[in-house]
């Protein structure tokens, strides 16, 4: 499925990417409202990451809207880690401690 935009934004977060040369750039994360997949009982939760050369529009799917939301938040954390490695420097959130960006990381599913 391809999405055109994040839809209704339910949450935003602004992070700062600090480069080794002391320059700083804002990175914005927009989280859309979970929605039911067209023609399917499952849900998806859209999100967008903007800034530092990124303009990622994507989504995570789940059995219900809660799972889609949690998986989107966890995926955002992973994508921000990749962005940090690509551009070097430090990605931080004003309320985060020791590099924490405030997004949950999902534990591995038990089989």
PDB file of N, CA and C in Angstrom:
ATOM      1  N   UNK A   1       0.848  -1.179   0.000  1.00  0.00           N
ATOM      2  CA  UNK A   1       0.000   0.000   0.000  1.00  0.00           C
ATOM      3  C   UNK A   1       0.891   1.238   0.000  1.00  0.00           C
ATOM      4  N   UNK A   2       0.552   2.216  -0.795  1.00  0.00           N
ATOM      5  CA  UNK A   2       1.284   3.478  -0.826  1.00  0.00           C
ATOM      6  C   UNK A   2       0.387   4.569  -0.229  1.00  0.00           C
ATOM      7  N   UNK A   3       0.970   5.365   0.663  1.00  0.00           N
ATOM      8  CA  UNK A   3       0.225   6.474   1.242  1.00  0.00           C
ATOM      9  C   UNK A   3       0.783   7.786   0.703  1.00  0.00           C
ATOM     10  N   UNK A   4      -0.071   8.793   0.612  1.00  0.00           N
ATOM     11  CA  UNK A   4       0.331  10.086   0.045  1.00  0.00           C
ATOM     12  C   UNK A   4       0.730  11.104   1.106  1.00  0.00           C
ATOM     13  N   UNK A   5       0.177  10.958   2.311  1.00  0.00           N
ATOM     14  CA  UNK A   5       0.519  11.866   3.403  1.00  0.00           C
ATOM     15  C   UNK A   5       0.249  11.171   4.724  1.00  0.00           C
ATOM     16  N   UNK A   6       0.627  11.832   5.810  1.00  0.00           N
ATOM     17  CA  UNK A   6       0.483  11.240   7.133  1.00  0.00           C
ATOM     18  C   UNK A   6      -0.961  11.321   7.640  1.00  0.00           C
ATOM     19  N   UNK A   7      -1.790  12.087   6.960  1.00  0.00           N
ATOM     20  CA  UNK A   7      -3.184  12.224   7.378  1.00  0.00           C
ATOM     21  C   UNK A   7      -3.312  13.111   8.603  1.00  0.00           C
ATOM     22  N   UNK A   8      -4.284  12.810   9.445  1.00  0.00           N
ATOM     23  CA  UNK A   8      -4.521  13.582  10.667  1.00  0.00           C
ATOM     24  C   UNK A   8      -3.360  13.359  11.645  1.00  0.00           C
ATOM     25  N   UNK A   9      -2.626  14.417  11.947  1.00  0.00           N
ATOM     26  CA  UNK A   9      -1.476  14.326  12.852  1.00  0.00           C
ATOM     27  C   UNK A   9      -1.984  14.315  14.288  1.00  0.00           C
ATOM     28  N   UNK A  10      -1.583  13.276  15.049  1.00  0.00           N
ATOM     29  CA  UNK A  10      -2.017  13.185  16.449  1.00  0.00           C
ATOM     30  C   UNK A  10      -0.882  13.495  17.416  1.00  0.00           C
ATOM     31  N   UNK A  11       0.372  13.510  16.921  1.00  0.00           N
ATOM     32  CA  UNK A  11       1.501  13.818  17.795  1.00  0.00           C
ATOM     33  C   UNK A  11       2.690  14.258  16.953  1.00  0.00           C
ATOM     34  N   UNK A  12       3.498  15.148  17.526  1.00  0.00           N
ATOM     35  CA  UNK A  12       4.726  15.593  16.867  1.00  0.00           C
ATOM     36  C   UNK A  12       5.852  15.644  17.895  1.00  0.00           C
ATOM     37  N   UNK A  13       7.061  15.512  17.413  1.00  0.00           N
ATOM     38  CA  UNK A  13       8.235  15.666  18.275  1.00  0.00           C
ATOM     39  C   UNK A  13       9.329  16.308  17.426  1.00  0.00           C
ATOM     40  N   UNK A  14      10.044  17.266  18.023  1.00  0.00           N
ATOM     41  CA  UNK A  14      11.166  17.901  17.347  1.00  0.00           C
ATOM     42  C   UNK A  14      12.449  17.484  18.042  1.00  0.00           C
ATOM     43  N   UNK A  15      13.383  16.968  17.255  1.00  0.00           N
ATOM     44  CA  UNK A  15      14.690  16.549  17.727  1.00  0.00           C
ATOM     45  C   UNK A  15      15.732  17.450  17.094  1.00  0.00           C
ATOM     46  N   UNK A  16      16.950  17.428  17.627  1.00  0.00           N
ATOM     47  CA  UNK A  16      18.035  18.222  17.076  1.00  0.00           C
ATOM     48  C   UNK A  16      19.177  17.287  16.711  1.00  0.00           C
ATOM     49  N   UNK A  17      19.647  17.420  15.470  1.00  0.00           N
ATOM     50  CA  UNK A  17      20.797  16.661  15.013  1.00  0.00           C
ATOM     51  C   UNK A  17      21.991  17.595  15.054  1.00  0.00           C
ATOM     52  N   UNK A  18      22.930  17.316  15.955  1.00  0.00           N
ATOM     53  CA  UNK A  18      24.146  18.114  16.087  1.00  0.00           C
ATOM     54  C   UNK A  18      25.274  17.458  15.318  1.00  0.00           C
ATOM     55  N   UNK A  19      25.874  18.197  14.417  1.00  0.00           N
ATOM     56  CA  UNK A  19      26.976  17.691  13.597  1.00  0.00           C
ATOM     57  C   UNK A  19      28.304  17.922  14.303  1.00  0.00           C
ATOM     58  N   UNK A  20      29.325  17.234  13.836  1.00  0.00           N
ATOM     59  CA  UNK A  20      30.666  17.388  14.409  1.00  0.00           C
ATOM     60  C   UNK A  20      31.214  18.800  14.243  1.00  0.00           C
ATOM     61  N   UNK A  21      30.741  19.517  13.213  1.00  0.00           N
ATOM     62  CA  UNK A  21      31.212  20.887  12.990  1.00  0.00           C
ATOM     63  C   UNK A  21      30.400  21.910  13.792  1.00  0.00           C
ATOM     64  N   UNK A  22      29.655  21.437  14.776  1.00  0.00           N
ATOM     65  CA  UNK A  22      28.864  22.265  15.697  1.00  0.00           C
ATOM     66  C   UNK A  22      27.606  22.851  15.059  1.00  0.00           C
ATOM     67  N   UNK A  23      27.277  22.472  13.816  1.00  0.00           N
ATOM     68  CA  UNK A  23      26.018  22.929  13.232  1.00  0.00           C
ATOM     69  C   UNK A  23      24.887  22.039  13.751  1.00  0.00           C
ATOM     70  N   UNK A  24      23.686  22.581  13.740  1.00  0.00           N
ATOM     71  CA  UNK A  24      22.530  21.861  14.254  1.00  0.00           C
ATOM     72  C   UNK A  24      21.396  21.948  13.243  1.00  0.00           C
ATOM     73  N   UNK A  25      20.630  20.884  13.162  1.00  0.00           N
ATOM     74  CA  UNK A  25      19.475  20.859  12.268  1.00  0.00           C
ATOM     75  C   UNK A  25      18.320  20.181  12.980  1.00  0.00           C
ATOM     76  N   UNK A  26      17.126  20.731  12.818  1.00  0.00           N
ATOM     77  CA  UNK A  26      15.942  20.144  13.427  1.00  0.00           C
ATOM     78  C   UNK A  26      15.455  18.959  12.612  1.00  0.00           C
ATOM     79  N   UNK A  27      14.999  17.946  13.312  1.00  0.00           N
ATOM     80  CA  UNK A  27      14.367  16.784  12.709  1.00  0.00           C
ATOM     81  C   UNK A  27      12.984  16.675  13.345  1.00  0.00           C
ATOM     82  N   UNK A  28      11.943  16.670  12.513  1.00  0.00           N
ATOM     83  CA  UNK A  28      10.568  16.591  13.013  1.00  0.00           C
ATOM     84  C   UNK A  28       9.996  15.219  12.753  1.00  0.00           C
ATOM     85  N   UNK A  29       9.265  14.717  13.737  1.00  0.00           N
ATOM     86  CA  UNK A  29       8.563  13.442  13.605  1.00  0.00           C
ATOM     87  C   UNK A  29       7.073  13.737  13.748  1.00  0.00           C
ATOM     88  N   UNK A  30       6.302  13.321  12.757  1.00  0.00           N
ATOM     89  CA  UNK A  30       4.856  13.491  12.779  1.00  0.00           C
ATOM     90  C   UNK A  30       4.220  12.111  12.809  1.00  0.00           C
ATOM     91  N   UNK A  31       3.275  11.916  13.700  1.00  0.00           N
ATOM     92  CA  UNK A  31       2.587  10.635  13.832  1.00  0.00           C
ATOM     93  C   UNK A  31       1.126  10.832  13.467  1.00  0.00           C
ATOM     94  N   UNK A  32       0.656  10.020  12.535  1.00  0.00           N
ATOM     95  CA  UNK A  32      -0.735  10.105  12.102  1.00  0.00           C
ATOM     96  C   UNK A  32      -1.644   9.201  12.919  1.00  0.00           C
ATOM     97  N   UNK A  33      -2.918   9.443  12.799  1.00  0.00           N
ATOM     98  CA  UNK A  33      -3.931   8.644  13.485  1.00  0.00           C
ATOM     99  C   UNK A  33      -3.988   7.250  12.858  1.00  0.00           C
ATOM    100  N   UNK A  34      -3.982   6.188  13.683  1.00  0.00           N
ATOM    101  CA  UNK A  34      -4.138   4.835  13.133  1.00  0.00           C
ATOM    102  C   UNK A  34      -5.471   4.721  12.387  1.00  0.00           C
ATOM    103  N   UNK A  35      -5.431   3.984  11.282  1.00  0.00           N
ATOM    104  CA  UNK A  35      -6.615   3.804  10.445  1.00  0.00           C
ATOM    105  C   UNK A  35      -6.712   2.352  10.001  1.00  0.00           C
ATOM    106  N   UNK A  36      -7.919   1.923   9.694  1.00  0.00           N
ATOM    107  CA  UNK A  36      -8.097   0.570   9.199  1.00  0.00           C
ATOM    108  C   UNK A  36      -7.602   0.490   7.759  1.00  0.00           C
ATOM    109  N   UNK A  37      -6.915  -0.609   7.458  1.00  0.00           N
ATOM    110  CA  UNK A  37      -6.451  -0.835   6.092  1.00  0.00           C
ATOM    111  C   UNK A  37      -7.658  -0.977   5.169  1.00  0.00           C
ATOM    112  N   UNK A  38      -7.581  -0.392   3.986  1.00  0.00           N
ATOM    113  CA  UNK A  38      -8.703  -0.525   3.051  1.00  0.00           C
ATOM    114  C   UNK A  38      -8.988  -1.994   2.710  1.00  0.00           C
ATOM    115  N   UNK A  39     -10.218  -2.425   2.925  1.00  0.00           N
ATOM    116  CA  UNK A  39     -10.628  -3.773   2.593  1.00  0.00           C
ATOM    117  C   UNK A  39     -10.012  -4.866   3.445  1.00  0.00           C
ATOM    118  N   UNK A  40      -9.562  -4.506   4.655  1.00  0.00           N
ATOM    119  CA  UNK A  40      -8.880  -5.482   5.512  1.00  0.00           C
ATOM    120  C   UNK A  40      -9.205  -5.159   6.974  1.00  0.00           C
ATOM    121  N   UNK A  41      -9.259  -6.157   7.856  1.00  0.00           N
ATOM    122  CA  UNK A  41      -9.579  -5.877   9.261  1.00  0.00           C
ATOM    123  C   UNK A  41      -8.420  -5.263  10.063  1.00  0.00           C
ATOM    124  N   UNK A  42      -7.174  -5.364   9.568  1.00  0.00           N
ATOM    125  CA  UNK A  42      -6.021  -4.824  10.293  1.00  0.00           C
ATOM    126  C   UNK A  42      -5.926  -3.307  10.151  1.00  0.00           C
ATOM    127  N   UNK A  43      -5.010  -2.711  10.924  1.00  0.00           N
ATOM    128  CA  UNK A  43      -4.833  -1.261  10.955  1.00  0.00           C
ATOM    129  C   UNK A  43      -3.415  -0.875  10.547  1.00  0.00           C
ATOM    130  N   UNK A  44      -3.265   0.389  10.151  1.00  0.00           N
ATOM    131  CA  UNK A  44      -1.940   0.953   9.897  1.00  0.00           C
ATOM    132  C   UNK A  44      -1.840   2.300  10.599  1.00  0.00           C
ATOM    133  N   UNK A  45      -0.617   2.677  10.945  1.00  0.00           N
ATOM    134  CA  UNK A  45      -0.376   3.961  11.601  1.00  0.00           C
ATOM    135  C   UNK A  45       0.709   4.683  10.799  1.00  0.00           C
ATOM    136  N   UNK A  46       0.364   5.796  10.114  1.00  0.00           N
ATOM    137  CA  UNK A  46       1.336   6.511   9.302  1.00  0.00           C
ATOM    138  C   UNK A  46       2.224   7.423  10.148  1.00  0.00           C
ATOM    139  N   UNK A  47       3.428   7.650   9.651  1.00  0.00           N
ATOM    140  CA  UNK A  47       4.348   8.592  10.303  1.00  0.00           C
ATOM    141  C   UNK A  47       5.259   9.211   9.256  1.00  0.00           C
ATOM    142  N   UNK A  48       5.842  10.350   9.617  1.00  0.00           N
ATOM    143  CA  UNK A  48       6.762  11.052   8.718  1.00  0.00           C
ATOM    144  C   UNK A  48       7.927  11.596   9.521  1.00  0.00           C
ATOM    145  N   UNK A  49       9.130  11.468   8.963  1.00  0.00           N
ATOM    146  CA  UNK A  49      10.349  12.033   9.554  1.00  0.00           C
ATOM    147  C   UNK A  49      10.895  13.030   8.564  1.00  0.00           C
ATOM    148  N   UNK A  50      11.036  14.288   9.002  1.00  0.00           N
ATOM    149  CA  UNK A  50      11.511  15.372   8.129  1.00  0.00           C
ATOM    150  C   UNK A  50      12.723  16.049   8.746  1.00  0.00           C
ATOM    151  N   UNK A  51      13.667  16.418   7.890  1.00  0.00           N
ATOM    152  CA  UNK A  51      14.835  17.169   8.341  1.00  0.00           C
ATOM    153  C   UNK A  51      16.109  16.383   8.144  1.00  0.00           C
ATOM    154  N   UNK A  52      17.236  17.064   8.169  1.00  0.00           N
ATOM    155  CA  UNK A  52      18.559  16.455   7.983  1.00  0.00           C
ATOM    156  C   UNK A  52      18.611  15.672   6.678  1.00  0.00           C
ATOM    157  N   UNK A  53      17.956  16.194   5.660  1.00  0.00           N
ATOM    158  CA  UNK A  53      17.961  15.539   4.360  1.00  0.00           C
ATOM    159  C   UNK A  53      16.952  14.413   4.233  1.00  0.00           C
ATOM    160  N   UNK A  54      16.204  14.134   5.290  1.00  0.00           N
ATOM    161  CA  UNK A  54      15.223  13.050   5.255  1.00  0.00           C
ATOM    162  C   UNK A  54      13.821  13.602   5.052  1.00  0.00           C
ATOM    163  N   UNK A  55      13.014  12.851   4.347  1.00  0.00           N
ATOM    164  CA  UNK A  55      11.588  13.127   4.243  1.00  0.00           C
ATOM    165  C   UNK A  55      10.904  11.775   4.066  1.00  0.00           C
ATOM    166  N   UNK A  56      10.935  11.003   5.137  1.00  0.00           N
ATOM    167  CA  UNK A  56      10.419   9.637   5.135  1.00  0.00           C
ATOM    168  C   UNK A  56       8.932   9.646   5.461  1.00  0.00           C
ATOM    169  N   UNK A  57       8.140   9.049   4.597  1.00  0.00           N
ATOM    170  CA  UNK A  57       6.714   8.856   4.843  1.00  0.00           C
ATOM    171  C   UNK A  57       6.470   7.359   4.798  1.00  0.00           C
ATOM    172  N   UNK A  58       6.015   6.805   5.905  1.00  0.00           N
ATOM    173  CA  UNK A  58       5.835   5.366   5.976  1.00  0.00           C
ATOM    174  C   UNK A  58       4.723   5.038   6.956  1.00  0.00           C
ATOM    175  N   UNK A  59       4.579   3.745   7.263  1.00  0.00           N
ATOM    176  CA  UNK A  59       3.550   3.321   8.211  1.00  0.00           C
ATOM    177  C   UNK A  59       3.932   1.959   8.775  1.00  0.00           C
ATOM    178  N   UNK A  60       3.294   1.610   9.875  1.00  0.00           N
ATOM    179  CA  UNK A  60       3.425   0.289  10.472  1.00  0.00           C
ATOM    180  C   UNK A  60       2.030  -0.304  10.588  1.00  0.00           C
ATOM    181  N   UNK A  61       1.921  -1.608  10.424  1.00  0.00           N
ATOM    182  CA  UNK A  61       0.630  -2.291  10.485  1.00  0.00           C
ATOM    183  C   UNK A  61       0.520  -3.150  11.739  1.00  0.00           C
ATOM    184  N   UNK A  62      -0.702  -3.312  12.198  1.00  0.00           N
ATOM    185  CA  UNK A  62      -0.960  -4.152  13.353  1.00  0.00           C
ATOM    186  C   UNK A  62      -2.348  -4.748  13.289  1.00  0.00           C
ATOM    187  N   UNK A  63      -2.595  -5.677  14.184  1.00  0.00           N
ATOM    188  CA  UNK A  63      -3.897  -6.350  14.232  1.00  0.00           C
ATOM    189  C   UNK A  63      -5.004  -5.366  14.607  1.00  0.00           C
ATOM    190  N   UNK A  64      -4.672  -4.424  15.492  1.00  0.00           N
ATOM    191  CA  UNK A  64      -5.625  -3.383  15.874  1.00  0.00           C
ATOM    192  C   UNK A  64      -4.898  -2.049  15.913  1.00  0.00           C
ATOM    193  N   UNK A  65      -5.612  -0.990  16.232  1.00  0.00           N
ATOM    194  CA  UNK A  65      -5.001   0.342  16.195  1.00  0.00           C
ATOM    195  C   UNK A  65      -3.918   0.516  17.257  1.00  0.00           C
ATOM    196  N   UNK A  66      -4.062  -0.137  18.414  1.00  0.00           N
ATOM    197  CA  UNK A  66      -3.017  -0.037  19.441  1.00  0.00           C
ATOM    198  C   UNK A  66      -1.713  -0.661  18.951  1.00  0.00           C
ATOM    199  N   UNK A  67      -1.790  -1.850  18.374  1.00  0.00           N
ATOM    200  CA  UNK A  67      -0.575  -2.503  17.896  1.00  0.00           C
ATOM    201  C   UNK A  67       0.062  -1.695  16.756  1.00  0.00           C
ATOM    202  N   UNK A  68      -0.737  -1.179  15.858  1.00  0.00           N
ATOM    203  CA  UNK A  68      -0.196  -0.363  14.763  1.00  0.00           C
ATOM    204  C   UNK A  68       0.517   0.866  15.318  1.00  0.00           C
ATOM    205  N   UNK A  69      -0.070   1.497  16.325  1.00  0.00           N
ATOM    206  CA  UNK A  69       0.528   2.675  16.962  1.00  0.00           C
ATOM    207  C   UNK A  69       1.855   2.321  17.628  1.00  0.00           C
ATOM    208  N   UNK A  70       1.875   1.252  18.425  1.00  0.00           N
ATOM    209  CA  UNK A  70       3.107   0.853  19.111  1.00  0.00           C
ATOM    210  C   UNK A  70       4.209   0.466  18.125  1.00  0.00           C
ATOM    211  N   UNK A  71       3.851  -0.245  17.067  1.00  0.00           N
ATOM    212  CA  UNK A  71       4.847  -0.638  16.075  1.00  0.00           C
ATOM    213  C   UNK A  71       5.374   0.569  15.303  1.00  0.00           C
ATOM    214  N   UNK A  72       4.523   1.553  15.044  1.00  0.00           N
ATOM    215  CA  UNK A  72       4.983   2.778  14.379  1.00  0.00           C
ATOM    216  C   UNK A  72       5.989   3.507  15.267  1.00  0.00           C
ATOM    217  N   UNK A  73       5.694   3.647  16.557  1.00  0.00           N
ATOM    218  CA  UNK A  73       6.606   4.326  17.480  1.00  0.00           C
ATOM    219  C   UNK A  73       7.942   3.601  17.582  1.00  0.00           C
ATOM    220  N   UNK A  74       7.900   2.282  17.629  1.00  0.00           N
ATOM    221  CA  UNK A  74       9.122   1.492  17.700  1.00  0.00           C
ATOM    222  C   UNK A  74       9.933   1.607  16.408  1.00  0.00           C
ATOM    223  N   UNK A  75       9.259   1.609  15.272  1.00  0.00           N
ATOM    224  CA  UNK A  75       9.929   1.742  13.978  1.00  0.00           C
ATOM    225  C   UNK A  75      10.557   3.125  13.832  1.00  0.00           C
ATOM    226  N   UNK A  76       9.895   4.147  14.339  1.00  0.00           N
ATOM    227  CA  UNK A  76      10.450   5.503  14.309  1.00  0.00           C
ATOM    228  C   UNK A  76      11.792   5.530  15.041  1.00  0.00           C
ATOM    229  N   UNK A  77      11.869   4.886  16.194  1.00  0.00           N
ATOM    230  CA  UNK A  77      13.117   4.827  16.958  1.00  0.00           C
ATOM    231  C   UNK A  77      14.234   4.216  16.117  1.00  0.00           C
ATOM    232  N   UNK A  78      13.935   3.144  15.410  1.00  0.00           N
ATOM    233  CA  UNK A  78      14.932   2.475  14.562  1.00  0.00           C
ATOM    234  C   UNK A  78      15.346   3.393  13.412  1.00  0.00           C
ATOM    235  N   UNK A  79      14.388   4.007  12.747  1.00  0.00           N
ATOM    236  CA  UNK A  79      14.698   4.884  11.615  1.00  0.00           C
ATOM    237  C   UNK A  79      15.513   6.106  12.050  1.00  0.00           C
ATOM    238  N   UNK A  80      15.249   6.622  13.240  1.00  0.00           N
ATOM    239  CA  UNK A  80      16.045   7.745  13.739  1.00  0.00           C
ATOM    240  C   UNK A  80      17.484   7.305  14.021  1.00  0.00           C
ATOM    241  N   UNK A  81      17.659   6.084  14.498  1.00  0.00           N
ATOM    242  CA  UNK A  81      19.006   5.551  14.703  1.00  0.00           C
ATOM    243  C   UNK A  81      19.773   5.455  13.392  1.00  0.00           C
ATOM    244  N   UNK A  82      19.092   5.030  12.339  1.00  0.00           N
ATOM    245  CA  UNK A  82      19.710   4.953  11.015  1.00  0.00           C
ATOM    246  C   UNK A  82      20.069   6.349  10.521  1.00  0.00           C
ATOM    247  N   UNK A  83      19.162   7.301  10.695  1.00  0.00           N
ATOM    248  CA  UNK A  83      19.413   8.692  10.285  1.00  0.00           C
ATOM    249  C   UNK A  83      20.633   9.250  11.005  1.00  0.00           C
ATOM    250  N   UNK A  84      20.731   8.983  12.290  1.00  0.00           N
ATOM    251  CA  UNK A  84      21.867   9.444  13.090  1.00  0.00           C
ATOM    252  C   UNK A  84      23.178   8.888  12.538  1.00  0.00           C
ATOM    253  N   UNK A  85      23.189   7.602  12.193  1.00  0.00           N
ATOM    254  CA  UNK A  85      24.406   6.984  11.652  1.00  0.00           C
ATOM    255  C   UNK A  85      24.758   7.548  10.278  1.00  0.00           C
ATOM    256  N   UNK A  86      23.749   7.827   9.465  1.00  0.00           N
ATOM    257  CA  UNK A  86      23.996   8.360   8.126  1.00  0.00           C
ATOM    258  C   UNK A  86      24.629   9.743   8.167  1.00  0.00           C
ATOM    259  N   UNK A  87      24.185  10.563   9.087  1.00  0.00           N
ATOM    260  CA  UNK A  87      24.644  11.952   9.124  1.00  0.00           C
ATOM    261  C   UNK A  87      25.691  12.219  10.188  1.00  0.00           C
ATOM    262  N   UNK A  88      25.969  11.229  11.033  1.00  0.00           N
ATOM    263  CA  UNK A  88      26.945  11.432  12.104  1.00  0.00           C
ATOM    264  C   UNK A  88      26.412  12.422  13.123  1.00  0.00           C
ATOM    265  N   UNK A  89      27.191  12.698  14.110  1.00  0.00           N
ATOM    266  CA  UNK A  89      26.770  13.642  15.135  1.00  0.00           C
ATOM    267  C   UNK A  89      25.842  13.018  16.147  1.00  0.00           C
ATOM    268  N   UNK A  90      25.133  13.873  16.840  1.00  0.00           N
ATOM    269  CA  UNK A  90      24.276  13.430  17.939  1.00  0.00           C
ATOM    270  C   UNK A  90      22.846  13.867  17.683  1.00  0.00           C
ATOM    271  N   UNK A  91      21.928  12.936  17.790  1.00  0.00           N
ATOM    272  CA  UNK A  91      20.511  13.221  17.678  1.00  0.00           C
ATOM    273  C   UNK A  91      19.963  13.244  19.090  1.00  0.00           C
ATOM    274  N   UNK A  92      19.295  14.349  19.449  1.00  0.00           N
ATOM    275  CA  UNK A  92      18.814  14.438  20.826  1.00  0.00           C
ATOM    276  C   UNK A  92      17.444  15.113  20.914  1.00  0.00           C
ATOM    277  N   UNK A  93      16.805  14.827  22.025  1.00  0.00           N
ATOM    278  CA  UNK A  93      15.514  15.390  22.388  1.00  0.00           C
ATOM    279  C   UNK A  93      15.740  16.100  23.709  1.00  0.00           C
ATOM    280  N   UNK A  94      15.195  17.290  23.855  1.00  0.00           N
ATOM    281  CA  UNK A  94      15.439  18.101  25.049  1.00  0.00           C
ATOM    282  C   UNK A  94      15.114  17.372  26.354  1.00  0.00           C
ATOM    283  N   UNK A  95      14.118  16.502  26.337  1.00  0.00           N
ATOM    284  CA  UNK A  95      13.727  15.795  27.561  1.00  0.00           C
ATOM    285  C   UNK A  95      14.390  14.441  27.703  1.00  0.00           C
ATOM    286  N   UNK A  96      15.179  14.044  26.723  1.00  0.00           N
ATOM    287  CA  UNK A  96      15.812  12.727  26.753  1.00  0.00           C
ATOM    288  C   UNK A  96      17.103  12.738  27.557  1.00  0.00           C
ATOM    289  N   UNK A  97      17.422  11.609  28.148  1.00  0.00           N
ATOM    290  CA  UNK A  97      18.659  11.463  28.908  1.00  0.00           C
ATOM    291  C   UNK A  97      19.559  10.467  28.203  1.00  0.00           C
ATOM    292  N   UNK A  98      20.824  10.758  28.108  1.00  0.00           N
ATOM    293  CA  UNK A  98      21.847   9.870  27.547  1.00  0.00           C
ATOM    294  C   UNK A  98      21.436   9.293  26.198  1.00  0.00           C
ATOM    295  N   UNK A  99      21.031  10.157  25.282  1.00  0.00           N
ATOM    296  CA  UNK A  99      20.710   9.723  23.930  1.00  0.00           C
ATOM    297  C   UNK A  99      19.316   9.164  23.737  1.00  0.00           C
ATOM    298  N   UNK A 100      18.501   9.102  24.788  1.00  0.00           N
ATOM    299  CA  UNK A 100      17.132   8.604  24.647  1.00  0.00           C
ATOM    300  C   UNK A 100      16.293   9.608  23.870  1.00  0.00           C
ATOM    301  N   UNK A 101      15.536   9.110  22.911  1.00  0.00           N
ATOM    302  CA  UNK A 101      14.721   9.988  22.074  1.00  0.00           C
ATOM    303  C   UNK A 101      13.246   9.950  22.455  1.00  0.00           C
ATOM    304  N   UNK A 102      12.918   9.130  23.456  1.00  0.00           N
ATOM    305  CA  UNK A 102      11.554   9.105  23.969  1.00  0.00           C
ATOM    306  C   UNK A 102      10.582   8.235  23.189  1.00  0.00           C
ATOM    307  N   UNK A 103      11.099   7.380  22.314  1.00  0.00           N
ATOM    308  CA  UNK A 103      10.237   6.453  21.586  1.00  0.00           C
ATOM    309  C   UNK A 103      10.457   5.058  22.156  1.00  0.00           C
ATOM    310  N   UNK A 104       9.379   4.283  22.332  1.00  0.00           N
ATOM    311  CA  UNK A 104       9.533   2.953  22.914  1.00  0.00           C
ATOM    312  C   UNK A 104      10.204   1.979  21.943  1.00  0.00           C
ATOM    313  N   UNK A 105      10.903   1.026  22.487  1.00  0.00           N
ATOM    314  CA  UNK A 105      11.472  -0.054  21.692  1.00  0.00           C
ATOM    315  C   UNK A 105      10.714  -1.311  22.079  1.00  0.00           C
ATOM    316  N   UNK A 106      10.136  -1.949  21.086  1.00  0.00           N
ATOM    317  CA  UNK A 106       9.335  -3.143  21.356  1.00  0.00           C
ATOM    318  C   UNK A 106      10.251  -4.316  21.689  1.00  0.00           C
ATOM    319  N   UNK A 107       9.910  -5.070  22.734  1.00  0.00           N
ATOM    320  CA  UNK A 107      10.696  -6.282  23.031  1.00  0.00           C
ATOM    321  C   UNK A 107      10.444  -7.319  21.947  1.00  0.00           C
ATOM    322  N   UNK A 108      11.381  -8.230  21.754  1.00  0.00           N
ATOM    323  CA  UNK A 108      11.168  -9.284  20.758  1.00  0.00           C
ATOM    324  C   UNK A 108       9.942 -10.103  21.110  1.00  0.00           C
ATOM    325  N   UNK A 109       9.203 -10.495  20.106  1.00  0.00           N
ATOM    326  CA  UNK A 109       8.006 -11.315  20.338  1.00  0.00           C
ATOM    327  C   UNK A 109       8.432 -12.719  20.761  1.00  0.00           C
ATOM    328  N   UNK A 110       7.742 -13.244  21.741  1.00  0.00           N
ATOM    329  CA  UNK A 110       8.046 -14.619  22.152  1.00  0.00           C
ATOM    330  C   UNK A 110       7.245 -15.578  21.282  1.00  0.00           C
ATOM    331  N   UNK A 111       7.843 -16.686  20.979  1.00  0.00           N
ATOM    332  CA  UNK A 111       7.179 -17.677  20.117  1.00  0.00           C
ATOM    333  C   UNK A 111       6.459 -18.714  20.917  1.00  0.00           C
TER     334      UNK A 111
END
